[in-house]
Amino acid sequence: MTSSGPIADWLNAIHQLAPQDAKAREAIARLLGLEWRKSRTSASSRTGSQSANPSKPGAKPSAVPTPETESPDKPRRRIDSVLTPSNAGRDLVPAWLTTAQPLPPTESRHLRPVLPFEPLFPKQTTRAILSTALATPSLTGPIDLNLVLDHVSQARLIESLPRITTPTLGRGVQLLIDAGEAMQPFAPDMAILRSALLSVVGRDRTEIRYFEFTPLRGCGNGPKDNWPSYAAPAAGTPVVLLTDLAIARPPDTLGLADSAEWIEFARLAARSRCPVIALVPYPPHRWPQALAKKISIVQWDRATTVSAIRKAIGRALQVQERL
């Protein structure tokens, strides 16, 4: 292809600046990804001039102007050149692509089944665990005949019929969910436990609030900037915490709660005669010892059993009886 227009000017500039050595010119062309070829027009013109003026013995050679002898006012002669990219065939479609067979479609045997999510509390025992953890003692059971007979045999006045204490869910529950960064890995577990708790206790008797760090810094629903100050529920209502009690401390997190702040929250709940139960997804050796004496902590894990819940609830009821 013969260059013309701005490209020809650019090529002419290359010719003017190109070295006289043919090997050097070819090396520069290869660096630019091009191939240096002599123009047919210039070659034919040189051949014609040589045939018209053959060199003979004793003949005077014709004067050939050189760049040094050319007049600066004389217009420069255009040099036609053909540059062919050396990598012109690099992006061509290979021949085997037209005959290659497509891969077979994906079948069910090629897919790996997604493993089902396993919550921290086993599905078959979640209801029993929650029923045991959230039940509070109530004097609404049958009449305590043994106590009645004891009063009658001792000729003591029976002012009211004594009844057997039975656990009940009638007082409802206040569920406080930690929305901090450290509890984000347990978000699916908290959502499952929240739904299970609503089905066990009932939506009308369940109060759900969210907090960060501790409930004392604000507790509510919606945007956290609008969370009000913590308000304890009615007397006797159990308070359930889904939190790590600041055991896991994410890096570069400011304002983390310490055990003293959690103990202050436990005292506030105790003044309202509300037992506090904390479900913590970490083993007992990581619990703050000072806090474990003030709050009933239950390991939130698949190994947790109903008997472990009964022990924790027993301590919570003892705290309630001392108030």
C-alpha atoms as a PDB file:
ATOM      1  CA  MET A   1       0.000   0.000   0.000  1.00  0.00           C
ATOM      2  CA  THR A   2       1.387   3.403  -0.990  1.00  0.00           C
ATOM      3  CA  SER A   3       1.279   5.963   1.805  1.00  0.00           C
ATOM      4  CA  SER A   4      -0.274   9.391   1.119  1.00  0.00           C
ATOM      5  CA  GLY A   5      -1.423  12.418   3.023  1.00  0.00           C
ATOM      6  CA  PRO A   6      -0.283  12.919   6.652  1.00  0.00           C
ATOM      7  CA  ILE A   7       0.998   9.358   6.788  1.00  0.00           C
ATOM      8  CA  ALA A   8       3.253  10.040   3.796  1.00  0.00           C
ATOM      9  CA  ASP A   9       4.638  13.142   5.517  1.00  0.00           C
ATOM     10  CA  TRP A  10       5.337  11.053   8.581  1.00  0.00           C
ATOM     11  CA  LEU A  11       7.073   8.413   6.458  1.00  0.00           C
ATOM     12  CA  ASN A  12       9.117  11.065   4.658  1.00  0.00           C
ATOM     13  CA  ALA A  13      10.248  12.370   8.018  1.00  0.00           C
ATOM     14  CA  ILE A  14      11.304   8.861   8.966  1.00  0.00           C
ATOM     15  CA  HIS A  15      13.248   8.580   5.696  1.00  0.00           C
ATOM     16  CA  GLN A  16      15.024  11.862   6.336  1.00  0.00           C
ATOM     17  CA  LEU A  17      15.980  10.794   9.849  1.00  0.00           C
ATOM     18  CA  ALA A  18      16.707   7.143   8.980  1.00  0.00           C
ATOM     19  CA  PRO A  19      20.337   6.106   8.967  1.00  0.00           C
ATOM     20  CA  GLN A  20      22.011   5.267   5.679  1.00  0.00           C
ATOM     21  CA  ASP A  21      22.834   1.763   6.838  1.00  0.00           C
ATOM     22  CA  ALA A  22      20.208  -0.690   5.535  1.00  0.00           C
ATOM     23  CA  LYS A  23      20.606  -3.026   8.515  1.00  0.00           C
ATOM     24  CA  ALA A  24      20.041  -0.183  10.940  1.00  0.00           C
ATOM     25  CA  ARG A  25      16.864   0.820   9.108  1.00  0.00           C
ATOM     26  CA  GLU A  26      15.546  -2.729   9.191  1.00  0.00           C
ATOM     27  CA  ALA A  27      16.310  -2.990  12.923  1.00  0.00           C
ATOM     28  CA  ILE A  28      14.385   0.233  13.638  1.00  0.00           C
ATOM     29  CA  ALA A  29      11.433  -1.010  11.578  1.00  0.00           C
ATOM     30  CA  ARG A  30      11.324  -4.271  13.554  1.00  0.00           C
ATOM     31  CA  LEU A  31      11.273  -2.344  16.843  1.00  0.00           C
ATOM     32  CA  LEU A  32       8.241  -0.440  15.547  1.00  0.00           C
ATOM     33  CA  GLY A  33       6.522  -3.690  14.555  1.00  0.00           C
ATOM     34  CA  LEU A  34       6.941  -2.906  10.844  1.00  0.00           C
ATOM     35  CA  GLU A  35       8.825  -4.315   7.892  1.00  0.00           C
ATOM     36  CA  TRP A  36      11.103  -2.203   5.727  1.00  0.00           C
ATOM     37  CA  ARG A  37      10.679  -2.628   1.954  1.00  0.00           C
ATOM     38  CA  LYS A  38      12.079  -0.646  -0.956  1.00  0.00           C
ATOM     39  CA  SER A  39       9.539   1.178  -3.088  1.00  0.00           C
ATOM     40  CA  ARG A  40       8.949  -0.277  -6.537  1.00  0.00           C
ATOM     41  CA  THR A  41       8.576   3.192  -7.969  1.00  0.00           C
ATOM     42  CA  SER A  42      11.917   4.380  -6.690  1.00  0.00           C
ATOM     43  CA  ALA A  43      13.561   1.123  -7.753  1.00  0.00           C
ATOM     44  CA  SER A  44      12.127   1.360 -11.288  1.00  0.00           C
ATOM     45  CA  SER A  45      13.136   4.984 -11.555  1.00  0.00           C
ATOM     46  CA  ARG A  46      16.650   4.106 -10.554  1.00  0.00           C
ATOM     47  CA  THR A  47      16.685   1.234 -13.065  1.00  0.00           C
ATOM     48  CA  GLY A  48      15.471   3.521 -15.862  1.00  0.00           C
ATOM     49  CA  SER A  49      18.052   6.151 -15.096  1.00  0.00           C
ATOM     50  CA  GLN A  50      20.797   3.570 -15.122  1.00  0.00           C
ATOM     51  CA  SER A  51      19.626   2.173 -18.495  1.00  0.00           C
ATOM     52  CA  ALA A  52      19.422   5.676 -19.965  1.00  0.00           C
ATOM     53  CA  ASN A  53      22.845   6.588 -18.733  1.00  0.00           C
ATOM     54  CA  PRO A  54      24.851   3.374 -18.735  1.00  0.00           C
ATOM     55  CA  SER A  55      28.224   3.629 -17.267  1.00  0.00           C
ATOM     56  CA  LYS A  56      30.856   3.531 -19.992  1.00  0.00           C
ATOM     57  CA  PRO A  57      34.570   3.750 -19.797  1.00  0.00           C
ATOM     58  CA  GLY A  58      35.571   7.348 -19.992  1.00  0.00           C
ATOM     59  CA  ALA A  59      32.001   8.696 -19.704  1.00  0.00           C
ATOM     60  CA  LYS A  60      31.305  11.358 -17.163  1.00  0.00           C
ATOM     61  CA  PRO A  61      28.996  10.253 -14.380  1.00  0.00           C
ATOM     62  CA  SER A  62      25.760  12.196 -14.084  1.00  0.00           C
ATOM     63  CA  ALA A  63      25.514  14.552 -11.209  1.00  0.00           C
ATOM     64  CA  VAL A  64      23.293  13.025  -8.549  1.00  0.00           C
ATOM     65  CA  PRO A  65      22.137  15.517  -5.921  1.00  0.00           C
ATOM     66  CA  THR A  66      22.801  14.520  -2.328  1.00  0.00           C
ATOM     67  CA  PRO A  67      21.240  15.915   0.865  1.00  0.00           C
ATOM     68  CA  GLU A  68      24.390  17.973   1.340  1.00  0.00           C
ATOM     69  CA  THR A  69      24.313  19.464  -2.198  1.00  0.00           C
ATOM     70  CA  GLU A  70      20.534  20.003  -2.492  1.00  0.00           C
ATOM     71  CA  SER A  71      19.393  23.599  -2.517  1.00  0.00           C
ATOM     72  CA  PRO A  72      17.312  24.555   0.521  1.00  0.00           C
ATOM     73  CA  ASP A  73      14.809  26.326  -1.745  1.00  0.00           C
ATOM     74  CA  LYS A  74      14.203  23.286  -3.909  1.00  0.00           C
ATOM     75  CA  PRO A  75      11.105  21.297  -2.842  1.00  0.00           C
ATOM     76  CA  ARG A  76      11.885  17.880  -1.486  1.00  0.00           C
ATOM     77  CA  ARG A  77      11.018  14.895  -3.620  1.00  0.00           C
ATOM     78  CA  ARG A  78       8.346  12.567  -2.203  1.00  0.00           C
ATOM     79  CA  ILE A  79       9.609   9.097  -1.468  1.00  0.00           C
ATOM     80  CA  ASP A  80       6.979   6.438  -1.818  1.00  0.00           C
ATOM     81  CA  SER A  81       7.344   3.487   0.583  1.00  0.00           C
ATOM     82  CA  VAL A  82       5.337   0.471   1.583  1.00  0.00           C
ATOM     83  CA  LEU A  83       5.293  -0.559   5.274  1.00  0.00           C
ATOM     84  CA  THR A  84       3.711  -3.892   6.149  1.00  0.00           C
ATOM     85  CA  PRO A  85       3.063  -4.790   9.833  1.00  0.00           C
ATOM     86  CA  SER A  86       4.908  -7.951  10.689  1.00  0.00           C
ATOM     87  CA  ASN A  87       2.165  -9.123  13.090  1.00  0.00           C
ATOM     88  CA  ALA A  88      -0.771  -8.762  10.716  1.00  0.00           C
ATOM     89  CA  GLY A  89      -1.824 -12.407  11.102  1.00  0.00           C
ATOM     90  CA  ARG A  90      -1.588 -12.648  14.891  1.00  0.00           C
ATOM     91  CA  ASP A  91      -5.342 -12.217  15.569  1.00  0.00           C
ATOM     92  CA  LEU A  92      -6.556 -14.543  12.844  1.00  0.00           C
ATOM     93  CA  VAL A  93      -9.067 -17.237  13.876  1.00  0.00           C
ATOM     94  CA  PRO A  94      -7.270 -20.584  14.153  1.00  0.00           C
ATOM     95  CA  ALA A  95      -8.393 -23.321  11.813  1.00  0.00           C
ATOM     96  CA  TRP A  96      -9.212 -25.779  14.617  1.00  0.00           C
ATOM     97  CA  LEU A  97     -11.864 -23.460  16.049  1.00  0.00           C
ATOM     98  CA  THR A  98     -14.224 -24.113  13.127  1.00  0.00           C
ATOM     99  CA  THR A  99     -14.120 -27.875  13.688  1.00  0.00           C
ATOM    100  CA  ALA A 100     -13.990 -27.999  17.508  1.00  0.00           C
ATOM    101  CA  GLN A 101     -16.958 -29.661  19.202  1.00  0.00           C
ATOM    102  CA  PRO A 102     -18.746 -27.683  21.980  1.00  0.00           C
ATOM    103  CA  LEU A 103     -18.647 -28.960  25.548  1.00  0.00           C
ATOM    104  CA  PRO A 104     -21.640 -30.999  26.713  1.00  0.00           C
ATOM    105  CA  PRO A 105     -24.309 -29.147  28.728  1.00  0.00           C
ATOM    106  CA  THR A 106     -24.019 -29.019  32.517  1.00  0.00           C
ATOM    107  CA  GLU A 107     -25.917 -31.775  34.287  1.00  0.00           C
ATOM    108  CA  SER A 108     -27.000 -32.169  37.879  1.00  0.00           C
ATOM    109  CA  ARG A 109     -24.216 -34.668  38.526  1.00  0.00           C
ATOM    110  CA  HIS A 110     -21.671 -31.949  37.732  1.00  0.00           C
ATOM    111  CA  LEU A 111     -22.995 -29.602  40.392  1.00  0.00           C
ATOM    112  CA  ARG A 112     -22.010 -29.776  44.042  1.00  0.00           C
ATOM    113  CA  PRO A 113     -25.040 -29.473  46.327  1.00  0.00           C
ATOM    114  CA  VAL A 114     -25.078 -26.512  48.692  1.00  0.00           C
ATOM    115  CA  LEU A 115     -24.660 -27.632  52.270  1.00  0.00           C
ATOM    116  CA  PRO A 116     -27.617 -26.705  54.486  1.00  0.00           C
ATOM    117  CA  PHE A 117     -27.045 -24.032  57.108  1.00  0.00           C
ATOM    118  CA  GLU A 118     -26.729 -25.446  60.622  1.00  0.00           C
ATOM    119  CA  PRO A 119     -27.707 -22.969  63.362  1.00  0.00           C
ATOM    120  CA  LEU A 120     -25.902 -22.784  66.682  1.00  0.00           C
ATOM    121  CA  PHE A 121     -28.871 -24.330  68.469  1.00  0.00           C
ATOM    122  CA  PRO A 122     -29.952 -27.642  66.871  1.00  0.00           C
ATOM    123  CA  LYS A 123     -33.289 -27.359  65.115  1.00  0.00           C
ATOM    124  CA  GLN A 124     -34.784 -30.338  66.959  1.00  0.00           C
ATOM    125  CA  THR A 125     -33.996 -28.910  70.406  1.00  0.00           C
ATOM    126  CA  THR A 126     -34.343 -25.144  69.835  1.00  0.00           C
ATOM    127  CA  ARG A 127     -37.938 -24.990  71.027  1.00  0.00           C
ATOM    128  CA  ALA A 128     -37.175 -26.945  74.203  1.00  0.00           C
ATOM    129  CA  ILE A 129     -34.126 -24.800  74.934  1.00  0.00           C
ATOM    130  CA  LEU A 130     -36.047 -21.550  74.493  1.00  0.00           C
ATOM    131  CA  SER A 131     -39.040 -22.765  76.501  1.00  0.00           C
ATOM    132  CA  THR A 132     -36.750 -23.681  79.381  1.00  0.00           C
ATOM    133  CA  ALA A 133     -34.688 -20.506  79.161  1.00  0.00           C
ATOM    134  CA  LEU A 134     -37.592 -18.052  78.960  1.00  0.00           C
ATOM    135  CA  ALA A 135     -39.981 -19.600  81.479  1.00  0.00           C
ATOM    136  CA  THR A 136     -40.252 -17.792  84.813  1.00  0.00           C
ATOM    137  CA  PRO A 137     -41.741 -19.151  88.046  1.00  0.00           C
ATOM    138  CA  SER A 138     -45.405 -18.416  88.660  1.00  0.00           C
ATOM    139  CA  LEU A 139     -47.776 -19.325  91.502  1.00  0.00           C
ATOM    140  CA  THR A 140     -50.458 -20.414  89.079  1.00  0.00           C
ATOM    141  CA  GLY A 141     -50.070 -24.178  89.442  1.00  0.00           C
ATOM    142  CA  PRO A 142     -52.334 -26.603  91.275  1.00  0.00           C
ATOM    143  CA  ILE A 143     -53.011 -26.288  95.009  1.00  0.00           C
ATOM    144  CA  ASP A 144     -50.144 -27.439  97.180  1.00  0.00           C
ATOM    145  CA  LEU A 145     -52.003 -30.074  99.228  1.00  0.00           C
ATOM    146  CA  ASN A 146     -48.971 -30.964 101.299  1.00  0.00           C
ATOM    147  CA  LEU A 147     -48.669 -27.407 102.527  1.00  0.00           C
ATOM    148  CA  VAL A 148     -52.410 -27.216 103.214  1.00  0.00           C
ATOM    149  CA  LEU A 149     -52.297 -30.399 105.309  1.00  0.00           C
ATOM    150  CA  ASP A 150     -49.299 -29.076 107.185  1.00  0.00           C
ATOM    151  CA  HIS A 151     -51.211 -25.897 108.119  1.00  0.00           C
ATOM    152  CA  VAL A 152     -54.336 -27.857 109.130  1.00  0.00           C
ATOM    153  CA  SER A 153     -52.415 -30.355 111.282  1.00  0.00           C
ATOM    154  CA  GLN A 154     -50.785 -27.495 113.148  1.00  0.00           C
ATOM    155  CA  ALA A 155     -54.073 -25.598 113.482  1.00  0.00           C
ATOM    156  CA  ARG A 156     -52.700 -22.640 111.609  1.00  0.00           C
ATOM    157  CA  LEU A 157     -54.883 -20.227 109.684  1.00  0.00           C
ATOM    158  CA  ILE A 158     -54.781 -20.558 105.928  1.00  0.00           C
ATOM    159  CA  GLU A 159     -55.065 -17.019 104.585  1.00  0.00           C
ATOM    160  CA  SER A 160     -54.712 -18.029 100.916  1.00  0.00           C
ATOM    161  CA  LEU A 161     -54.534 -21.305  99.095  1.00  0.00           C
ATOM    162  CA  PRO A 162     -50.884 -22.165  98.468  1.00  0.00           C
ATOM    163  CA  ARG A 163     -50.134 -23.245  94.938  1.00  0.00           C
ATOM    164  CA  ILE A 164     -47.260 -25.112  93.365  1.00  0.00           C
ATOM    165  CA  THR A 165     -44.813 -22.930  91.498  1.00  0.00           C
ATOM    166  CA  THR A 166     -44.767 -23.686  87.761  1.00  0.00           C
ATOM    167  CA  PRO A 167     -42.792 -22.157  84.910  1.00  0.00           C
ATOM    168  CA  THR A 168     -44.722 -19.911  82.577  1.00  0.00           C
ATOM    169  CA  LEU A 169     -44.157 -17.848  79.457  1.00  0.00           C
ATOM    170  CA  GLY A 170     -47.020 -15.519  80.267  1.00  0.00           C
ATOM    171  CA  ARG A 171     -44.722 -12.665  81.290  1.00  0.00           C
ATOM    172  CA  GLY A 172     -43.248 -12.523  77.817  1.00  0.00           C
ATOM    173  CA  VAL A 173     -39.638 -11.658  77.071  1.00  0.00           C
ATOM    174  CA  GLN A 174     -37.487  -8.710  76.117  1.00  0.00           C
ATOM    175  CA  LEU A 175     -34.998  -9.727  73.421  1.00  0.00           C
ATOM    176  CA  LEU A 176     -31.959  -7.481  73.003  1.00  0.00           C
ATOM    177  CA  ILE A 177     -29.898  -8.202  69.860  1.00  0.00           C
ATOM    178  CA  ASP A 178     -26.333  -6.984  69.529  1.00  0.00           C
ATOM    179  CA  ALA A 179     -25.977  -5.240  66.141  1.00  0.00           C
ATOM    180  CA  GLY A 180     -22.268  -4.544  66.577  1.00  0.00           C
ATOM    181  CA  GLU A 181     -19.524  -5.495  64.145  1.00  0.00           C
ATOM    182  CA  ALA A 182     -18.322  -8.428  66.235  1.00  0.00           C
ATOM    183  CA  MET A 183     -21.713 -10.169  65.945  1.00  0.00           C
ATOM    184  CA  GLN A 184     -22.044  -9.842  62.168  1.00  0.00           C
ATOM    185  CA  PRO A 185     -20.708 -13.391  61.526  1.00  0.00           C
ATOM    186  CA  PHE A 186     -23.627 -14.700  63.622  1.00  0.00           C
ATOM    187  CA  ALA A 187     -26.309 -12.686  61.814  1.00  0.00           C
ATOM    188  CA  PRO A 188     -28.006 -15.783  60.255  1.00  0.00           C
ATOM    189  CA  ASP A 189     -28.077 -17.508  63.665  1.00  0.00           C
ATOM    190  CA  MET A 190     -29.600 -14.435  65.310  1.00  0.00           C
ATOM    191  CA  ALA A 191     -32.291 -14.243  62.620  1.00  0.00           C
ATOM    192  CA  ILE A 192     -33.185 -17.936  63.081  1.00  0.00           C
ATOM    193  CA  LEU A 193     -33.274 -17.633  66.868  1.00  0.00           C
ATOM    194  CA  ARG A 194     -35.389 -14.482  66.637  1.00  0.00           C
ATOM    195  CA  SER A 195     -38.003 -16.292  64.512  1.00  0.00           C
ATOM    196  CA  ALA A 196     -37.969 -19.318  66.824  1.00  0.00           C
ATOM    197  CA  LEU A 197     -38.427 -17.120  69.877  1.00  0.00           C
ATOM    198  CA  LEU A 198     -41.424 -15.373  68.324  1.00  0.00           C
ATOM    199  CA  SER A 199     -43.053 -18.719  67.617  1.00  0.00           C
ATOM    200  CA  VAL A 200     -42.440 -19.962  71.186  1.00  0.00           C
ATOM    201  CA  VAL A 201     -43.402 -16.870  73.193  1.00  0.00           C
ATOM    202  CA  GLY A 202     -45.716 -15.126  70.758  1.00  0.00           C
ATOM    203  CA  ARG A 203     -45.407 -11.829  68.927  1.00  0.00           C
ATOM    204  CA  ASP A 204     -47.707 -10.009  71.318  1.00  0.00           C
ATOM    205  CA  ARG A 205     -45.551 -10.901  74.324  1.00  0.00           C
ATOM    206  CA  THR A 206     -42.113 -10.335  72.705  1.00  0.00           C
ATOM    207  CA  GLU A 207     -40.309  -7.015  72.739  1.00  0.00           C
ATOM    208  CA  ILE A 208     -37.332  -6.879  70.360  1.00  0.00           C
ATOM    209  CA  ARG A 209     -34.697  -4.138  70.517  1.00  0.00           C
ATOM    210  CA  TYR A 210     -31.260  -3.685  68.959  1.00  0.00           C
ATOM    211  CA  PHE A 211     -28.157  -2.133  70.488  1.00  0.00           C
ATOM    212  CA  GLU A 212     -24.424  -1.659  70.017  1.00  0.00           C
ATOM    213  CA  PHE A 213     -21.750  -2.095  72.710  1.00  0.00           C
ATOM    214  CA  THR A 214     -24.343  -2.245  75.577  1.00  0.00           C
ATOM    215  CA  PRO A 215     -28.049  -1.372  75.824  1.00  0.00           C
ATOM    216  CA  LEU A 216     -27.138   1.504  78.155  1.00  0.00           C
ATOM    217  CA  ARG A 217     -25.910   3.517  75.132  1.00  0.00           C
ATOM    218  CA  GLY A 218     -29.237   3.324  73.364  1.00  0.00           C
ATOM    219  CA  CYS A 219     -31.602   0.557  72.445  1.00  0.00           C
ATOM    220  CA  GLY A 220     -34.372   0.466  69.868  1.00  0.00           C
ATOM    221  CA  ASN A 221     -35.384  -0.218  66.276  1.00  0.00           C
ATOM    222  CA  GLY A 222     -34.744   1.603  63.036  1.00  0.00           C
ATOM    223  CA  PRO A 223     -31.764   3.963  62.556  1.00  0.00           C
ATOM    224  CA  LYS A 224     -29.456   3.802  65.534  1.00  0.00           C
ATOM    225  CA  ASP A 225     -29.287   7.594  65.728  1.00  0.00           C
ATOM    226  CA  ASN A 226     -32.925   7.499  66.853  1.00  0.00           C
ATOM    227  CA  TRP A 227     -32.516   4.775  69.486  1.00  0.00           C
ATOM    228  CA  PRO A 228     -33.848   5.919  72.861  1.00  0.00           C
ATOM    229  CA  SER A 229     -32.326   5.190  76.247  1.00  0.00           C
ATOM    230  CA  TYR A 230     -32.808   1.702  77.590  1.00  0.00           C
ATOM    231  CA  ALA A 231     -36.043   1.034  79.432  1.00  0.00           C
ATOM    232  CA  ALA A 232     -36.458  -2.156  81.450  1.00  0.00           C
ATOM    233  CA  PRO A 233     -39.611  -4.226  80.888  1.00  0.00           C
ATOM    234  CA  ALA A 234     -42.266  -5.028  83.476  1.00  0.00           C
ATOM    235  CA  ALA A 235     -41.149  -6.690  86.689  1.00  0.00           C
ATOM    236  CA  GLY A 236     -40.461 -10.393  86.312  1.00  0.00           C
ATOM    237  CA  THR A 237     -39.991 -10.249  82.524  1.00  0.00           C
ATOM    238  CA  PRO A 238     -36.835 -12.089  81.478  1.00  0.00           C
ATOM    239  CA  VAL A 239     -34.294 -10.132  79.436  1.00  0.00           C
ATOM    240  CA  VAL A 240     -32.468 -12.220  76.833  1.00  0.00           C
ATOM    241  CA  LEU A 241     -29.230 -10.902  75.307  1.00  0.00           C
ATOM    242  CA  LEU A 242     -27.803 -12.132  72.003  1.00  0.00           C
ATOM    243  CA  THR A 243     -24.288 -10.747  72.323  1.00  0.00           C
ATOM    244  CA  ASP A 244     -20.624 -11.616  72.727  1.00  0.00           C
ATOM    245  CA  LEU A 245     -20.209  -9.357  75.800  1.00  0.00           C
ATOM    246  CA  ALA A 246     -17.279  -7.630  74.013  1.00  0.00           C
ATOM    247  CA  ILE A 247     -15.268 -10.872  74.034  1.00  0.00           C
ATOM    248  CA  ALA A 248     -14.405 -10.553  70.337  1.00  0.00           C
ATOM    249  CA  ARG A 249     -12.769  -7.193  69.815  1.00  0.00           C
ATOM    250  CA  PRO A 250     -12.551  -6.175  66.130  1.00  0.00           C
ATOM    251  CA  PRO A 251      -9.378  -4.194  65.307  1.00  0.00           C
ATOM    252  CA  ASP A 252      -9.560  -0.396  65.175  1.00  0.00           C
ATOM    253  CA  THR A 253     -12.901  -0.353  67.011  1.00  0.00           C
ATOM    254  CA  LEU A 254     -13.317   2.510  69.451  1.00  0.00           C
ATOM    255  CA  GLY A 255     -15.609   2.712  72.459  1.00  0.00           C
ATOM    256  CA  LEU A 256     -15.880  -0.986  73.246  1.00  0.00           C
ATOM    257  CA  ALA A 257     -17.837  -1.848  76.359  1.00  0.00           C
ATOM    258  CA  ASP A 258     -16.041  -3.335  79.344  1.00  0.00           C
ATOM    259  CA  SER A 259     -17.259  -5.588  82.126  1.00  0.00           C
ATOM    260  CA  ALA A 260     -18.038  -2.623  84.397  1.00  0.00           C
ATOM    261  CA  GLU A 261     -20.584  -1.254  81.905  1.00  0.00           C
ATOM    262  CA  TRP A 262     -22.242  -4.650  81.551  1.00  0.00           C
ATOM    263  CA  ILE A 263     -22.400  -5.024  85.339  1.00  0.00           C
ATOM    264  CA  GLU A 264     -24.142  -1.647  85.524  1.00  0.00           C
ATOM    265  CA  PHE A 265     -26.707  -2.923  83.027  1.00  0.00           C
ATOM    266  CA  ALA A 266     -27.233  -6.058  85.141  1.00  0.00           C
ATOM    267  CA  ARG A 267     -27.857  -3.893  88.200  1.00  0.00           C
ATOM    268  CA  LEU A 268     -30.421  -1.824  86.311  1.00  0.00           C
ATOM    269  CA  ALA A 269     -32.292  -4.988  85.296  1.00  0.00           C
ATOM    270  CA  ALA A 270     -32.083  -6.338  88.858  1.00  0.00           C
ATOM    271  CA  ARG A 271     -33.685  -3.186  90.237  1.00  0.00           C
ATOM    272  CA  SER A 272     -36.595  -3.883  87.859  1.00  0.00           C
ATOM    273  CA  ARG A 273     -36.791  -7.492  89.144  1.00  0.00           C
ATOM    274  CA  CYS A 274     -35.949  -8.868  85.669  1.00  0.00           C
ATOM    275  CA  PRO A 275     -33.661 -11.881  85.300  1.00  0.00           C
ATOM    276  CA  VAL A 276     -30.975 -11.448  82.620  1.00  0.00           C
ATOM    277  CA  ILE A 277     -29.839 -14.327  80.425  1.00  0.00           C
ATOM    278  CA  ALA A 278     -27.027 -13.836  77.884  1.00  0.00           C
ATOM    279  CA  LEU A 279     -26.607 -16.243  74.968  1.00  0.00           C
ATOM    280  CA  VAL A 280     -22.917 -15.976  74.057  1.00  0.00           C
ATOM    281  CA  PRO A 281     -21.369 -17.848  71.085  1.00  0.00           C
ATOM    282  CA  TYR A 282     -18.083 -18.477  72.914  1.00  0.00           C
ATOM    283  CA  PRO A 283     -17.000 -21.148  75.440  1.00  0.00           C
ATOM    284  CA  PRO A 284     -16.981 -20.466  79.190  1.00  0.00           C
ATOM    285  CA  HIS A 285     -13.208 -20.023  79.480  1.00  0.00           C
ATOM    286  CA  ARG A 286     -13.548 -16.794  77.457  1.00  0.00           C
ATOM    287  CA  TRP A 287     -16.329 -15.283  79.577  1.00  0.00           C
ATOM    288  CA  PRO A 288     -15.462 -12.327  81.820  1.00  0.00           C
ATOM    289  CA  GLN A 289     -15.405 -13.869  85.287  1.00  0.00           C
ATOM    290  CA  ALA A 290     -16.647 -10.712  87.021  1.00  0.00           C
ATOM    291  CA  LEU A 291     -19.608 -10.545  84.659  1.00  0.00           C
ATOM    292  CA  ALA A 292     -20.421 -14.255  84.918  1.00  0.00           C
ATOM    293  CA  LYS A 293     -21.221 -13.717  88.620  1.00  0.00           C
ATOM    294  CA  LYS A 294     -23.833 -11.055  87.817  1.00  0.00           C
ATOM    295  CA  ILE A 295     -25.486 -12.395  84.649  1.00  0.00           C
ATOM    296  CA  SER A 296     -26.590 -15.913  83.755  1.00  0.00           C
ATOM    297  CA  ILE A 297     -24.500 -16.726  80.690  1.00  0.00           C
ATOM    298  CA  VAL A 298     -25.362 -19.650  78.417  1.00  0.00           C
ATOM    299  CA  GLN A 299     -23.055 -20.934  75.709  1.00  0.00           C
ATOM    300  CA  TRP A 300     -24.810 -20.489  72.387  1.00  0.00           C
ATOM    301  CA  ASP A 301     -23.568 -23.644  70.713  1.00  0.00           C
ATOM    302  CA  ARG A 302     -24.767 -26.925  69.266  1.00  0.00           C
ATOM    303  CA  ALA A 303     -23.474 -28.745  72.351  1.00  0.00           C
ATOM    304  CA  THR A 304     -25.812 -26.805  74.658  1.00  0.00           C
ATOM    305  CA  THR A 305     -28.480 -28.978  76.242  1.00  0.00           C
ATOM    306  CA  VAL A 306     -31.682 -28.317  78.139  1.00  0.00           C
ATOM    307  CA  SER A 307     -30.014 -29.321  81.405  1.00  0.00           C
ATOM    308  CA  ALA A 308     -27.356 -26.634  80.905  1.00  0.00           C
ATOM    309  CA  ILE A 309     -30.149 -24.131  80.374  1.00  0.00           C
ATOM    310  CA  ARG A 310     -31.857 -25.242  83.600  1.00  0.00           C
ATOM    311  CA  LYS A 311     -28.674 -24.571  85.554  1.00  0.00           C
ATOM    312  CA  ALA A 312     -28.369 -21.089  84.093  1.00  0.00           C
ATOM    313  CA  ILE A 313     -32.035 -20.312  84.703  1.00  0.00           C
ATOM    314  CA  GLY A 314     -31.729 -21.533  88.258  1.00  0.00           C
ATOM    315  CA  ARG A 315     -29.058 -18.933  88.920  1.00  0.00           C
ATOM    316  CA  ALA A 316     -31.215 -16.270  87.285  1.00  0.00           C
ATOM    317  CA  LEU A 317     -34.183 -17.150  89.499  1.00  0.00           C
ATOM    318  CA  GLN A 318     -31.978 -17.005  92.574  1.00  0.00           C
ATOM    319  CA  VAL A 319     -31.006 -13.469  91.652  1.00  0.00           C
ATOM    320  CA  GLN A 320     -34.656 -12.615  91.253  1.00  0.00           C
ATOM    321  CA  GLU A 321     -35.518 -14.092  94.690  1.00  0.00           C
ATOM    322  CA  ARG A 322     -32.827 -11.988  96.433  1.00  0.00           C
ATOM    323  CA  LEU A 323     -34.383  -8.730  95.179  1.00  0.00           C
END
